[in-house]
Protein backbone atom coordinates (compact mmCIF):
# COMPACT_ATOMS: atom_id res chain seq x y z
CA UNK A 1 -10.09 1.79 33.58
CA UNK A 2 -10.82 4.51 31.03
CA UNK A 3 -14.35 5.20 29.84
CA UNK A 4 -13.98 6.47 26.27
CA UNK A 5 -17.00 8.31 24.94
CA UNK A 6 -16.61 8.40 21.20
CA UNK A 7 -18.02 7.89 17.71
CA UNK A 8 -16.61 6.81 14.34
CA UNK A 9 -15.39 10.23 13.20
CA UNK A 10 -11.92 11.81 12.85
CA UNK A 11 -11.79 13.33 16.32
CA UNK A 12 -12.98 10.10 17.85
CA UNK A 13 -10.46 8.12 15.84
CA UNK A 14 -7.58 10.16 17.26
CA UNK A 15 -8.18 8.97 20.82
CA UNK A 16 -9.34 5.50 19.75
CA UNK A 17 -5.97 5.00 18.05
CA UNK A 18 -4.09 6.29 21.10
CA UNK A 19 -5.77 3.96 23.60
CA UNK A 20 -5.03 1.05 21.27
CA UNK A 21 -1.41 2.11 20.87
CA UNK A 22 -1.06 2.41 24.65
CA UNK A 23 -2.73 -0.97 25.21
CA UNK A 24 -4.48 0.29 28.32
CA UNK A 25 -7.80 -1.04 29.64
CA UNK A 26 -10.72 1.00 28.39
CA UNK A 27 -14.42 0.74 27.74
CA UNK A 28 -15.76 2.27 24.53
CA UNK A 29 -19.08 4.03 25.07
CA UNK A 30 -20.69 5.14 21.80
CA UNK A 31 -22.10 8.65 21.62
CA UNK A 32 -24.29 8.63 18.54
CA UNK A 33 -23.74 12.14 17.22
CA UNK A 34 -26.05 11.44 14.27
CA UNK A 35 -29.01 10.87 16.61
CA UNK A 36 -28.17 13.80 18.89
CA UNK A 37 -26.73 11.91 21.88
CA UNK A 38 -24.01 14.57 22.23
CA UNK A 39 -26.69 17.07 23.20
CA UNK A 40 -28.15 15.02 26.04
CA UNK A 41 -27.71 16.32 29.59
CA UNK A 42 -25.87 13.22 30.78
CA UNK A 43 -23.17 13.60 28.15
CA UNK A 44 -23.03 17.39 28.54
CA UNK A 45 -22.13 16.79 32.18
CA UNK A 46 -19.03 14.98 30.90
CA UNK A 47 -18.28 17.28 27.97
CA UNK A 48 -19.91 20.71 28.30
CA UNK A 49 -19.00 21.45 24.67
CA UNK A 50 -21.23 18.63 23.44
CA UNK A 51 -18.68 17.10 21.09
CA UNK A 52 -16.84 13.79 20.92
CA UNK A 53 -14.66 12.39 22.34
CA UNK A 54 -14.29 12.60 26.10
CA UNK A 55 -12.81 10.30 28.71
CA UNK A 56 -13.38 9.48 32.35
CA UNK A 57 -10.32 8.00 34.04
CA UNK A 58 -11.40 5.91 37.03
CA UNK A 59 -7.81 5.41 38.14
CA UNK A 60 -6.13 8.80 37.68
CA UNK A 61 -2.48 9.24 38.44
CA UNK A 62 -2.17 10.21 42.08
CA UNK A 63 -5.49 8.61 42.97
CA UNK A 64 -8.65 10.36 44.01
CA UNK A 65 -11.99 10.72 42.30
CA UNK A 66 -12.47 9.84 38.62
CA UNK A 67 -11.01 12.47 36.30
CA UNK A 68 -12.93 13.74 33.28
CA UNK A 69 -11.10 15.16 30.26
CA UNK A 70 -12.59 16.59 27.06
CA UNK A 71 -11.00 18.10 23.92
CA UNK A 72 -8.72 15.80 21.94
CA UNK A 73 -5.52 17.75 22.51
CA UNK A 74 -6.07 17.64 26.27
CA UNK A 75 -7.07 13.97 26.23
CA UNK A 76 -4.09 12.87 24.18
CA UNK A 77 -1.64 14.87 26.27
CA UNK A 78 -3.14 13.54 29.50
CA UNK A 79 -3.00 9.89 28.44
CA UNK A 80 0.48 10.14 26.91
CA UNK A 81 1.83 11.81 30.04
CA UNK A 82 0.14 9.31 32.34
CA UNK A 83 1.52 6.32 30.44
CA UNK A 84 4.89 7.87 29.61
CA UNK A 85 4.65 7.09 25.88
CA UNK A 86 4.35 8.97 22.59
CA UNK A 87 5.23 12.31 24.20
CA UNK A 88 8.94 12.93 24.81
CA UNK A 89 10.30 14.04 28.17
CA UNK A 90 13.09 16.12 26.63
CA UNK A 91 11.95 19.75 26.64
CA UNK A 92 12.74 20.52 23.00
CA UNK A 93 11.35 17.27 21.65
CA UNK A 94 8.23 17.61 23.77
CA UNK A 95 7.74 21.16 22.56
CA UNK A 96 7.89 20.00 18.93
CA UNK A 97 5.26 17.33 19.49
CA UNK A 98 2.99 19.79 21.30
CA UNK A 99 3.38 22.37 18.54
CA UNK A 100 2.30 19.90 15.86
CA UNK A 101 -0.48 18.51 18.03
CA UNK A 102 -1.94 21.99 18.40
CA UNK A 103 -1.28 22.72 14.72
CA UNK A 104 -3.72 19.90 14.05
CA UNK A 105 -6.19 20.91 16.75
CA UNK A 106 -6.26 24.57 15.73
CA UNK A 107 -5.70 24.30 11.99
CA UNK A 108 -5.74 21.03 10.09
CA UNK A 109 -8.83 19.56 11.75
CA UNK A 110 -11.09 22.63 11.69
CA UNK A 111 -10.10 23.57 8.14
CA UNK A 112 -10.52 20.08 6.71
CA UNK A 113 -13.77 19.77 8.63
CA UNK A 114 -15.12 22.89 6.95
CA UNK A 115 -13.81 21.77 3.55
CA UNK A 116 -15.62 18.48 4.03
CA UNK A 117 -18.80 20.26 5.09
CA UNK A 118 -19.04 22.55 2.08
CA UNK A 119 -17.89 19.86 -0.37
CA UNK A 120 -20.07 17.03 0.95
CA UNK A 121 -22.81 18.16 3.33
CA UNK A 122 -23.89 21.73 2.55
CA UNK A 123 -27.50 21.84 1.30
CA UNK A 124 -26.51 24.19 -1.50
CA UNK A 125 -23.26 24.93 -3.29
CA UNK A 126 -21.27 27.83 -1.87
CA UNK A 127 -18.33 28.20 -4.30
CA UNK A 128 -16.52 30.87 -2.28
CA UNK A 129 -16.61 28.80 0.93
CA UNK A 130 -15.60 25.62 -0.88
CA UNK A 131 -12.63 27.30 -2.55
CA UNK A 132 -11.62 29.03 0.67
CA UNK A 133 -11.40 25.84 2.73
CA UNK A 134 -10.03 23.62 -0.02
CA UNK A 135 -7.25 26.10 -0.73
CA UNK A 136 -6.38 26.33 2.96
CA UNK A 137 -6.43 22.54 3.17
CA UNK A 138 -3.88 22.41 0.34
CA UNK A 139 -1.74 25.01 2.10
CA UNK A 140 -1.73 22.97 5.31
CA UNK A 141 -0.94 19.77 3.43
CA UNK A 142 2.03 21.57 1.88
CA UNK A 143 3.17 22.60 5.38
CA UNK A 144 2.99 18.97 6.48
CA UNK A 145 4.66 17.71 3.31
CA UNK A 146 7.56 20.12 3.85
CA UNK A 147 7.83 19.08 7.48
CA UNK A 148 8.13 15.40 6.49
CA UNK A 149 11.17 15.97 4.29
CA UNK A 150 13.84 13.63 5.65
CA UNK A 151 11.50 12.32 8.37
CA UNK A 152 9.40 9.20 8.71
CA UNK A 153 7.10 10.80 11.27
CA UNK A 154 6.16 14.38 12.05
CA UNK A 155 8.54 14.71 14.99
CA UNK A 156 10.97 11.96 13.95
CA UNK A 157 9.66 9.38 16.44
CA UNK A 158 6.03 8.29 16.15
CA UNK A 159 3.97 10.38 18.57
CA UNK A 160 0.56 11.76 19.44
CA UNK A 161 1.15 14.38 16.74
CA UNK A 162 0.98 11.65 14.09
CA UNK A 163 -2.08 10.07 15.71
CA UNK A 164 -3.85 13.43 15.79
CA UNK A 165 -3.15 14.31 12.16
CA UNK A 166 -3.73 10.91 10.61
CA UNK A 167 -7.57 10.65 10.88
CA UNK A 168 -8.01 14.04 9.21
CA UNK A 169 -5.63 13.25 6.37
CA UNK A 170 -7.59 10.01 6.00
CA UNK A 171 -10.72 11.92 4.92
CA UNK A 172 -8.99 14.03 2.26
CA UNK A 173 -11.20 12.63 -0.52
CA UNK A 174 -14.27 13.86 1.36
CA UNK A 175 -12.89 17.40 1.13
CA UNK A 176 -12.35 17.24 -2.62
CA UNK A 177 -8.59 17.64 -2.17
CA UNK A 178 -6.13 15.11 -3.59
CA UNK A 179 -2.86 14.00 -2.00
CA UNK A 180 -1.21 13.67 -5.41
CA UNK A 181 0.77 16.87 -4.89
CA UNK A 182 2.05 15.74 -1.50
CA UNK A 183 4.16 12.58 -1.89
CA UNK A 184 5.76 12.77 1.55
CA UNK A 185 2.32 13.01 3.16
CA UNK A 186 1.23 9.98 1.15
CA UNK A 187 4.26 7.96 2.29
CA UNK A 188 3.75 9.02 5.92
CA UNK A 189 0.07 8.10 5.68
CA UNK A 190 1.01 4.60 4.55
CA UNK A 191 3.45 4.14 7.44
CA UNK A 192 0.87 5.19 10.02
CA UNK A 193 -1.95 3.22 8.41
CA UNK A 194 0.10 0.02 8.50
CA UNK A 195 0.29 0.00 12.30
CA UNK A 196 -1.96 -2.70 13.84
CA UNK A 197 -3.15 -0.38 16.63
CA UNK A 198 -4.26 2.17 14.03
CA UNK A 199 -6.38 -0.49 12.32
CA UNK A 200 -7.91 -1.46 15.65
CA UNK A 201 -8.64 2.16 16.52
CA UNK A 202 -10.31 2.78 13.17
CA UNK A 203 -12.39 -0.38 13.45
CA UNK A 204 -13.71 0.56 16.88
CA UNK A 205 -17.40 1.52 16.55
CA UNK A 206 -17.15 1.15 12.76
CA UNK A 207 -20.28 -1.02 12.73
CA UNK A 208 -22.35 1.90 14.06
CA UNK A 209 -21.27 4.41 11.40
CA UNK A 210 -23.90 5.85 9.07
CA UNK A 211 -23.57 7.97 5.94
CA UNK A 212 -24.64 11.44 7.02
CA UNK A 213 -25.46 12.42 3.43
CA UNK A 214 -28.36 9.94 3.47
CA UNK A 215 -30.02 11.15 6.68
CA UNK A 216 -31.82 14.44 7.23
CA UNK A 217 -31.96 13.68 10.97
CA UNK A 218 -28.20 13.19 11.12
CA UNK A 219 -27.58 16.49 9.32
CA UNK A 220 -29.93 18.29 11.69
CA UNK A 221 -28.27 16.83 14.79
CA UNK A 222 -24.76 17.53 13.52
CA UNK A 223 -25.14 20.92 11.88
CA UNK A 224 -28.28 22.67 13.11
CA UNK A 225 -28.89 21.87 16.78
CA UNK A 226 -27.46 24.14 19.44
């Protein structure tokens, strides 16, 4: 059994989609990041970085005590390796998937997150910051669009790289950046979105979502607390 600590946000959606694709037993435990639950000592003991998601595997491969994993790249790699799915065994194919997974973790997610922040959440307009992150978002979308030429998925076969990128592409409107210039990304998005497990992953914890723009408390807990 996997305990999945998560919330309805792009990084949470990445792992929520994966556990649904894998069809493994799990228990979803909401961590309300808008009320500050990520800062509580109990959760910090699981994820010292105070972010979502994190997992606790009560039946780790090889046995032994429950295994805790935080950071989405580490979680997705761990689960894919354990279940033997969505991460190729072949060295070259595996390397490609890992490269694009970390491209998302180190680039696409953080950049689109900042673009979203300055476009949607910042208390005052900061034109330089908005332009900086929107332009970099467009550059990264162009990288992905080029990569998808002649491919249905990022690394040919559907993988954790697709699952990692999808939830961030999903919020493009919240960054102020259109997908109109990126037809291959649009087509790929439709293929991923049509998967039943993706729908289930997105719907998980959906009923607890709140619009951060309407809540001063949520903004404080997300953007100002240490």
